[in-house]
Amino acid sequence: MTDEPPPTDDPIRPELRRAPSVVLVNTGDGKGKSTAAFGVMLRALARGWNVAVCQFVKSGDWKVGEEKLGRELGVTWHALGDGFTWDSNDLEADRARAAEAWAVASGIIAAGEHHVVVLDELTYLCNWSWLDTKDVVDAVTNRPAHVNIVVTGRDAPAGLIDVADTVTEMRHVKHAYDEGVRAMRGIDY
């Protein structure tokens, strides 16, 4: 606990400007990257915006709460992955599936029909060289002006960090899993 007084100066600077869209990157080894992205999804929906989610690791077999709610609220949802790599019987097939997933996601971005596009777990595919980070950066940089992008995943590549407007690093301090607690429905998925 600190004895620091609350701020009394208005932090809003007069030179602030409006941007047509932004790129957010949620990275780091802590929990909350996708959760934060889905918070943005809900904010956008509350404003009447069209939202798309592309998940690059989770498959359609996962029954996650955010997908259920997102679909009910009109989110264009694509679970494009094939699950965790350690459960895979064929990593080359997974790599090919990643390329197909990126074709879907980059098409959604370029079409400009959505105000927010969440690219959940995308950093992993770049880090594994399943996708060329330059292609991802180009798609994000050349997106239609009104399309906001949210990227999640550990170890965001430098190129993606460079083009992002906001980068948040979730830091692992403590997690129930460390103490042997399984992921909980409604909390973790």
C-alpha atoms as a PDB file:
ATOM      1  CA  MET A   1       0.000   0.000   0.000  1.00  0.00           C
ATOM      2  CA  THR A   2       1.235   3.492  -0.803  1.00  0.00           C
ATOM      3  CA  ASP A   3       0.309   6.866   0.601  1.00  0.00           C
ATOM      4  CA  GLU A   4       0.375   8.459  -2.836  1.00  0.00           C
ATOM      5  CA  PRO A   5      -2.268  11.172  -3.309  1.00  0.00           C
ATOM      6  CA  PRO A   6      -4.762  10.873  -6.159  1.00  0.00           C
ATOM      7  CA  PRO A   7      -3.972  12.824  -9.343  1.00  0.00           C
ATOM      8  CA  THR A   8      -5.508  16.282  -9.546  1.00  0.00           C
ATOM      9  CA  ASP A   9      -4.221  17.415 -12.967  1.00  0.00           C
ATOM     10  CA  ASP A  10      -6.334  16.534 -16.008  1.00  0.00           C
ATOM     11  CA  PRO A  11      -4.292  14.001 -18.055  1.00  0.00           C
ATOM     12  CA  ILE A  12      -5.987  14.921 -21.361  1.00  0.00           C
ATOM     13  CA  ARG A  13      -3.535  16.805 -23.535  1.00  0.00           C
ATOM     14  CA  PRO A  14      -4.901  19.457 -25.919  1.00  0.00           C
ATOM     15  CA  GLU A  15      -2.896  18.113 -28.896  1.00  0.00           C
ATOM     16  CA  LEU A  16      -4.688  14.731 -28.900  1.00  0.00           C
ATOM     17  CA  ARG A  17      -6.243  13.793 -32.242  1.00  0.00           C
ATOM     18  CA  ARG A  18      -8.769  11.230 -33.406  1.00  0.00           C
ATOM     19  CA  ALA A  19      -7.574   8.249 -35.454  1.00  0.00           C
ATOM     20  CA  PRO A  20      -9.798   6.382 -37.923  1.00  0.00           C
ATOM     21  CA  SER A  21      -8.707   3.064 -36.368  1.00  0.00           C
ATOM     22  CA  VAL A  22      -6.051   1.485 -34.160  1.00  0.00           C
ATOM     23  CA  VAL A  23      -4.064  -1.724 -33.836  1.00  0.00           C
ATOM     24  CA  LEU A  24      -3.910  -3.321 -30.380  1.00  0.00           C
ATOM     25  CA  VAL A  25      -1.515  -6.120 -29.446  1.00  0.00           C
ATOM     26  CA  ASN A  26      -2.023  -8.116 -26.242  1.00  0.00           C
ATOM     27  CA  THR A  27       1.096 -10.179 -25.594  1.00  0.00           C
ATOM     28  CA  GLY A  28       3.174 -11.559 -22.735  1.00  0.00           C
ATOM     29  CA  ASP A  29       3.287 -14.729 -20.657  1.00  0.00           C
ATOM     30  CA  GLY A  30       0.403 -13.819 -18.352  1.00  0.00           C
ATOM     31  CA  LYS A  31      -3.290 -14.631 -18.472  1.00  0.00           C
ATOM     32  CA  GLY A  32      -5.762 -12.206 -20.002  1.00  0.00           C
ATOM     33  CA  LYS A  33      -4.657 -11.563 -23.584  1.00  0.00           C
ATOM     34  CA  SER A  34      -7.717 -13.044 -25.262  1.00  0.00           C
ATOM     35  CA  THR A  35      -9.974 -11.966 -22.407  1.00  0.00           C
ATOM     36  CA  ALA A  36      -8.981  -8.339 -22.990  1.00  0.00           C
ATOM     37  CA  ALA A  37      -9.571  -8.739 -26.733  1.00  0.00           C
ATOM     38  CA  PHE A  38     -13.058 -10.074 -26.087  1.00  0.00           C
ATOM     39  CA  GLY A  39     -13.711  -7.077 -23.859  1.00  0.00           C
ATOM     40  CA  VAL A  40     -12.967  -4.873 -26.881  1.00  0.00           C
ATOM     41  CA  MET A  41     -15.300  -7.119 -28.904  1.00  0.00           C
ATOM     42  CA  LEU A  42     -18.120  -6.398 -26.434  1.00  0.00           C
ATOM     43  CA  ARG A  43     -17.438  -2.661 -26.425  1.00  0.00           C
ATOM     44  CA  ALA A  44     -17.555  -2.575 -30.211  1.00  0.00           C
ATOM     45  CA  LEU A  45     -20.806  -4.552 -30.298  1.00  0.00           C
ATOM     46  CA  ALA A  46     -22.322  -2.126 -27.789  1.00  0.00           C
ATOM     47  CA  ARG A  47     -21.546   0.659 -30.289  1.00  0.00           C
ATOM     48  CA  GLY A  48     -23.307  -1.204 -33.086  1.00  0.00           C
ATOM     49  CA  TRP A  49     -20.092  -2.126 -34.874  1.00  0.00           C
ATOM     50  CA  ASN A  50     -19.577  -5.258 -36.946  1.00  0.00           C
ATOM     51  CA  VAL A  51     -17.016  -7.561 -35.336  1.00  0.00           C
ATOM     52  CA  ALA A  52     -15.138 -10.610 -36.603  1.00  0.00           C
ATOM     53  CA  VAL A  53     -13.040 -13.030 -34.551  1.00  0.00           C
ATOM     54  CA  CYS A  54     -10.484 -15.366 -36.100  1.00  0.00           C
ATOM     55  CA  GLN A  55      -8.946 -17.887 -33.723  1.00  0.00           C
ATOM     56  CA  PHE A  56      -5.763 -19.515 -34.956  1.00  0.00           C
ATOM     57  CA  VAL A  57      -5.201 -22.293 -32.416  1.00  0.00           C
ATOM     58  CA  LYS A  58      -8.630 -23.159 -31.031  1.00  0.00           C
ATOM     59  CA  SER A  59     -10.693 -25.411 -33.251  1.00  0.00           C
ATOM     60  CA  GLY A  60     -14.434 -25.499 -33.752  1.00  0.00           C
ATOM     61  CA  ASP A  61     -14.533 -28.411 -31.287  1.00  0.00           C
ATOM     62  CA  TRP A  62     -13.851 -26.095 -28.348  1.00  0.00           C
ATOM     63  CA  LYS A  63     -16.963 -24.931 -26.547  1.00  0.00           C
ATOM     64  CA  VAL A  64     -15.811 -21.575 -25.213  1.00  0.00           C
ATOM     65  CA  GLY A  65     -18.122 -19.072 -23.582  1.00  0.00           C
ATOM     66  CA  GLU A  66     -16.907 -16.095 -25.585  1.00  0.00           C
ATOM     67  CA  GLU A  67     -17.716 -17.844 -28.867  1.00  0.00           C
ATOM     68  CA  LYS A  68     -21.208 -18.794 -27.701  1.00  0.00           C
ATOM     69  CA  LEU A  69     -21.974 -15.248 -26.595  1.00  0.00           C
ATOM     70  CA  GLY A  70     -20.239 -13.679 -29.583  1.00  0.00           C
ATOM     71  CA  ARG A  71     -22.269 -15.688 -32.057  1.00  0.00           C
ATOM     72  CA  GLU A  72     -25.488 -14.859 -30.187  1.00  0.00           C
ATOM     73  CA  LEU A  73     -24.597 -11.177 -30.472  1.00  0.00           C
ATOM     74  CA  GLY A  74     -23.845 -11.366 -34.201  1.00  0.00           C
ATOM     75  CA  VAL A  75     -20.057 -11.700 -34.263  1.00  0.00           C
ATOM     76  CA  THR A  76     -18.629 -13.325 -37.375  1.00  0.00           C
ATOM     77  CA  TRP A  77     -16.693 -16.126 -35.668  1.00  0.00           C
ATOM     78  CA  HIS A  78     -14.050 -18.388 -37.194  1.00  0.00           C
ATOM     79  CA  ALA A  79     -12.340 -21.034 -35.051  1.00  0.00           C
ATOM     80  CA  LEU A  80      -9.689 -21.878 -37.634  1.00  0.00           C
ATOM     81  CA  GLY A  81      -7.124 -23.842 -35.666  1.00  0.00           C
ATOM     82  CA  ASP A  82      -6.697 -27.514 -34.989  1.00  0.00           C
ATOM     83  CA  GLY A  83      -5.975 -27.371 -31.261  1.00  0.00           C
ATOM     84  CA  PHE A  84      -2.771 -27.447 -29.275  1.00  0.00           C
ATOM     85  CA  THR A  85       0.334 -28.467 -31.191  1.00  0.00           C
ATOM     86  CA  TRP A  86       1.315 -30.965 -28.499  1.00  0.00           C
ATOM     87  CA  ASP A  87      -1.882 -32.876 -29.272  1.00  0.00           C
ATOM     88  CA  SER A  88      -1.221 -32.895 -33.019  1.00  0.00           C
ATOM     89  CA  ASN A  89      -0.558 -36.014 -35.054  1.00  0.00           C
ATOM     90  CA  ASP A  90       0.556 -34.011 -38.104  1.00  0.00           C
ATOM     91  CA  LEU A  91       2.252 -30.631 -37.665  1.00  0.00           C
ATOM     92  CA  GLU A  92       2.665 -30.210 -41.428  1.00  0.00           C
ATOM     93  CA  ALA A  93      -1.111 -30.470 -41.839  1.00  0.00           C
ATOM     94  CA  ASP A  94      -1.467 -27.920 -39.030  1.00  0.00           C
ATOM     95  CA  ARG A  95       0.943 -25.611 -40.865  1.00  0.00           C
ATOM     96  CA  ALA A  96      -1.145 -25.893 -44.037  1.00  0.00           C
ATOM     97  CA  ARG A  97      -4.280 -25.196 -42.010  1.00  0.00           C
ATOM     98  CA  ALA A  98      -2.588 -22.057 -40.623  1.00  0.00           C
ATOM     99  CA  ALA A  99      -2.062 -20.757 -44.168  1.00  0.00           C
ATOM    100  CA  GLU A 100      -5.736 -21.398 -44.941  1.00  0.00           C
ATOM    101  CA  ALA A 101      -6.732 -19.650 -41.714  1.00  0.00           C
ATOM    102  CA  TRP A 102      -4.631 -16.621 -42.597  1.00  0.00           C
ATOM    103  CA  ALA A 103      -6.273 -16.485 -46.041  1.00  0.00           C
ATOM    104  CA  VAL A 104      -9.661 -16.257 -44.301  1.00  0.00           C
ATOM    105  CA  ALA A 105      -8.499 -13.632 -41.804  1.00  0.00           C
ATOM    106  CA  SER A 106      -6.638 -11.456 -44.288  1.00  0.00           C
ATOM    107  CA  GLY A 107      -9.678 -11.598 -46.574  1.00  0.00           C
ATOM    108  CA  ILE A 108     -11.898 -10.392 -43.737  1.00  0.00           C
ATOM    109  CA  ILE A 109      -9.514  -7.535 -42.994  1.00  0.00           C
ATOM    110  CA  ALA A 110      -9.232  -6.454 -46.645  1.00  0.00           C
ATOM    111  CA  ALA A 111     -13.003  -6.634 -47.235  1.00  0.00           C
ATOM    112  CA  GLY A 112     -13.539  -3.872 -44.675  1.00  0.00           C
ATOM    113  CA  GLU A 113     -16.968  -5.108 -43.603  1.00  0.00           C
ATOM    114  CA  HIS A 114     -16.009  -5.212 -39.908  1.00  0.00           C
ATOM    115  CA  HIS A 115     -15.018  -2.360 -37.623  1.00  0.00           C
ATOM    116  CA  VAL A 116     -13.070  -4.707 -35.333  1.00  0.00           C
ATOM    117  CA  VAL A 117     -11.188  -7.860 -36.294  1.00  0.00           C
ATOM    118  CA  VAL A 118      -9.776  -9.933 -33.432  1.00  0.00           C
ATOM    119  CA  LEU A 119      -6.851 -12.140 -34.481  1.00  0.00           C
ATOM    120  CA  ASP A 120      -6.702 -14.435 -31.473  1.00  0.00           C
ATOM    121  CA  GLU A 121      -3.497 -16.455 -30.938  1.00  0.00           C
ATOM    122  CA  LEU A 122      -1.989 -15.160 -34.200  1.00  0.00           C
ATOM    123  CA  THR A 123       1.485 -14.519 -32.775  1.00  0.00           C
ATOM    124  CA  TYR A 124       2.153 -18.232 -32.356  1.00  0.00           C
ATOM    125  CA  LEU A 125       1.837 -18.897 -36.083  1.00  0.00           C
ATOM    126  CA  CYS A 126       4.325 -16.120 -36.816  1.00  0.00           C
ATOM    127  CA  ASN A 127       6.758 -17.376 -34.171  1.00  0.00           C
ATOM    128  CA  TRP A 128       6.608 -20.934 -35.536  1.00  0.00           C
ATOM    129  CA  SER A 129       7.230 -19.602 -39.096  1.00  0.00           C
ATOM    130  CA  TRP A 130       3.885 -21.020 -40.179  1.00  0.00           C
ATOM    131  CA  LEU A 131       3.025 -17.528 -41.412  1.00  0.00           C
ATOM    132  CA  ASP A 132       5.352 -14.857 -42.725  1.00  0.00           C
ATOM    133  CA  THR A 133       5.229 -11.995 -40.221  1.00  0.00           C
ATOM    134  CA  LYS A 134       5.800  -9.565 -43.089  1.00  0.00           C
ATOM    135  CA  ASP A 135       2.549 -10.721 -44.724  1.00  0.00           C
ATOM    136  CA  VAL A 136       0.704 -10.184 -41.448  1.00  0.00           C
ATOM    137  CA  VAL A 137       2.241  -6.737 -40.971  1.00  0.00           C
ATOM    138  CA  ASP A 138       1.385  -5.795 -44.576  1.00  0.00           C
ATOM    139  CA  ALA A 139      -2.262  -6.837 -44.138  1.00  0.00           C
ATOM    140  CA  VAL A 140      -2.540  -4.894 -40.883  1.00  0.00           C
ATOM    141  CA  THR A 141      -0.779  -1.823 -42.288  1.00  0.00           C
ATOM    142  CA  ASN A 142      -2.809  -1.786 -45.523  1.00  0.00           C
ATOM    143  CA  ARG A 143      -6.205  -2.458 -43.915  1.00  0.00           C
ATOM    144  CA  PRO A 144      -9.157  -0.209 -44.736  1.00  0.00           C
ATOM    145  CA  ALA A 145      -8.922   2.956 -42.643  1.00  0.00           C
ATOM    146  CA  HIS A 146     -11.906   2.162 -40.378  1.00  0.00           C
ATOM    147  CA  VAL A 147     -10.845  -1.403 -39.482  1.00  0.00           C
ATOM    148  CA  ASN A 148      -9.463  -1.813 -35.966  1.00  0.00           C
ATOM    149  CA  ILE A 149      -7.286  -4.859 -35.305  1.00  0.00           C
ATOM    150  CA  VAL A 150      -6.693  -6.710 -32.023  1.00  0.00           C
ATOM    151  CA  VAL A 151      -3.920  -9.336 -32.011  1.00  0.00           C
ATOM    152  CA  THR A 152      -3.278 -11.735 -29.133  1.00  0.00           C
ATOM    153  CA  GLY A 153      -0.580 -14.235 -28.234  1.00  0.00           C
ATOM    154  CA  ARG A 154       2.746 -14.574 -26.469  1.00  0.00           C
ATOM    155  CA  ASP A 155       5.973 -13.171 -27.863  1.00  0.00           C
ATOM    156  CA  ALA A 156       4.504 -10.757 -30.399  1.00  0.00           C
ATOM    157  CA  PRO A 157       6.980 -10.345 -33.267  1.00  0.00           C
ATOM    158  CA  ALA A 158       8.850  -7.029 -33.434  1.00  0.00           C
ATOM    159  CA  GLY A 159       7.278  -6.123 -36.783  1.00  0.00           C
ATOM    160  CA  LEU A 160       3.803  -6.425 -35.320  1.00  0.00           C
ATOM    161  CA  ILE A 161       4.773  -4.401 -32.264  1.00  0.00           C
ATOM    162  CA  ASP A 162       6.209  -1.708 -34.535  1.00  0.00           C
ATOM    163  CA  VAL A 163       2.937  -1.180 -36.438  1.00  0.00           C
ATOM    164  CA  ALA A 164       0.706  -1.415 -33.355  1.00  0.00           C
ATOM    165  CA  ASP A 165      -0.712   1.692 -31.740  1.00  0.00           C
ATOM    166  CA  THR A 166      -1.085   0.066 -28.330  1.00  0.00           C
ATOM    167  CA  VAL A 167       0.883  -2.911 -27.020  1.00  0.00           C
ATOM    168  CA  THR A 168       0.042  -4.404 -23.652  1.00  0.00           C
ATOM    169  CA  GLU A 169       2.198  -7.077 -22.087  1.00  0.00           C
ATOM    170  CA  MET A 170       0.397  -9.362 -19.656  1.00  0.00           C
ATOM    171  CA  ARG A 171       2.941 -10.492 -17.073  1.00  0.00           C
ATOM    172  CA  HIS A 172       2.693 -13.796 -15.242  1.00  0.00           C
ATOM    173  CA  VAL A 173       2.680 -13.199 -11.498  1.00  0.00           C
ATOM    174  CA  LYS A 174       0.655 -16.162 -10.264  1.00  0.00           C
ATOM    175  CA  HIS A 175      -1.809 -18.568 -11.863  1.00  0.00           C
ATOM    176  CA  ALA A 176      -4.056 -21.249 -10.409  1.00  0.00           C
ATOM    177  CA  TYR A 177      -2.606 -23.717 -12.925  1.00  0.00           C
ATOM    178  CA  ASP A 178       0.761 -23.349 -11.156  1.00  0.00           C
ATOM    179  CA  GLU A 179      -0.893 -24.892  -8.085  1.00  0.00           C
ATOM    180  CA  GLY A 180      -2.471 -27.728 -10.064  1.00  0.00           C
ATOM    181  CA  VAL A 181      -5.897 -26.181 -10.712  1.00  0.00           C
ATOM    182  CA  ARG A 182      -7.361 -27.098 -14.109  1.00  0.00           C
ATOM    183  CA  ALA A 183      -8.790 -24.436 -16.410  1.00  0.00           C
ATOM    184  CA  MET A 184     -12.306 -23.550 -15.287  1.00  0.00           C
ATOM    185  CA  ARG A 185     -15.318 -23.230 -17.549  1.00  0.00           C
ATOM    186  CA  GLY A 186     -16.666 -19.688 -17.183  1.00  0.00           C
ATOM    187  CA  ILE A 187     -13.319 -18.321 -15.950  1.00  0.00           C
ATOM    188  CA  ASP A 188     -10.700 -19.579 -18.401  1.00  0.00           C
ATOM    189  CA  TYR A 189     -12.914 -20.527 -21.344  1.00  0.00           C
END
